[in-house]
Amino acid sequence: MNAFNRAFCFFALPLSFVASVDAASSWDGKKAVDYVLSVETERPDAIYKQGETVTYKITLLHQQKPAADQAVDYLISKDTVAPYQKGTITLKDGVATVTGSLGEPGFLQCQVTFKDGKTAYVAAAAAGIDPFEIKPSMPAPADFDAFWDAQKKRLAAVPMNPVLTPVPAPADRPGIEVFDLKVDSIGAPVSGYYSRPLKTTPKGHPARLYVDGAGVRSGDLLASARWAGRGVLSLSINAHGILNGQPGSYYADLANGSLKNYRKDGSSSRDTYYFLGMYLRVVRALDFLASQPEWDGHTLIIEGGSQGGAQSMAGAALDHRVTFITAMNAAMCDHTGMVVGRIAGWPKVVPVVDGNPDPLVLETSRYFDTVNFASRVKAQVYMWEGFIDTTCPPTGVYAAYNQVPTKKEMIPQVDSTHSIDGMKLWPAVAAAEQKHLDEMKAKFSSAK
């Protein structure tokens, strides 16, 4: 068996817009294409120790046959940042190898590029270098807990005043009812879809919150409805406290207007940063679920990906009623990475000028860093991460994961960018969360 069995292939793109595309979504394996470029690590799990040599195999096919005597550029980096090792290598029978190493815990990425006239083919692979030893680039602020305790007290002083407006349930989800929900918070309200079984029992149902990724959109009605059919009190909220179920133009106008730069708005102070309101809405959404007379009082799941993964970790850190966290490709991880020469997580909020991070934004970011929330969770944690994710880089995600003090599981996706294969992801996530529901039900049934 070929030892090099972890490949990620990118396809042809104009040189004016070189971007990555998953080969599996672009080629059915039957129709001939001009070139297919791939790069892969020699080990199936792509895990190495510090200082160990990592060998990358580069393959170029031309109309599904090895491309002879073609030159390919390569760039080896520390998860896309310096130090860099670059060069050009000529393939023999469509194949070549390059090597690199990293003397610290992190990720060693190899990006390769083949140019055919005005078209560029790009591929990438990465190796995890003692990834479970990656530490945060900076500690949490000394008053991190005091700051968030004060914010929760402010929130607790605001009555919830929930407003539930019935909306049609999906036709393929019988036996449930769905509501457009508004709950008062600090600043914008919690806004989303709340679903529950038509037949409920007081204190008889677990609860689940789904939080949204980056962008501007409605709450996800299906994300709410699908779990209500399993007997779960299910809430899906949008990230911004805006209206749900509106025409696309409504969200486009916000995305191009008042919310265009929300990722960095107010970042010069912890008291004005946009994510303060977002994270407090997550806490308020959990408050709403926990206030429902049907909630069983002991099982509370929170799930999200990317920005939603950050919200999931923050919500669970700020509300210890949460018992299970699903966080895929979590954002907001290790904002301060640049102070130790590492890549920062999305949204790379800290400006760096001439190698110097903005001191005010750097300080703000520490209060909203997933690595600092991760160390404070009490819930079980279930995470996924792509090794070649350049949106939420694995270095920061693993730094956060390593801070989790509870039972946890990381599902590494060696050949994935920020877009993980949904055919693998969603069934696995559903199975993990259902397992938690079953375990909690068994635990509390036996306690009666």
Foldseek 3Di string as FASTA:
>chain_A
DQLFDFKFKADKDFPVDDDGDGVVVVDPVPDFDAKIKIKTWSHPVLEAAAPDKIKIKIFMAGRNFADAFFKKKKWKDQLPFDPIDIDIDTDHRRMDMDIDGHRDFGKIKMKMWGDDPRIIIIYMFIHGHPLLPQAFPDAFDPCLVVVLVVQVVVFVVDFFPKDWAWDDAPPVQPQKTKTFIWTDGPPATWTWMKMAGPDFDFLAAAEEEEEEADAFAAWDRCQRRVCNSVGYGGITTYQQNDYHPDDPVVRVCCCVPVCVPLQQPPLLALVTRSCSRSLRNLLSVVVVRCPDRRHNQQEYEYEYEACSLLSQLSNQLSDQSYAEYEYELYFLFNLPQLVVRHDHGPPNNWDADPSRTDVSSNNSSSSSHLLNSQLRGPHEYEYEYECSASRGHSSRVSNSVSNHPYHYDYDYHRRDYSDDPPVPPPVVVVVVSVVVVVVVVVVVVVVD
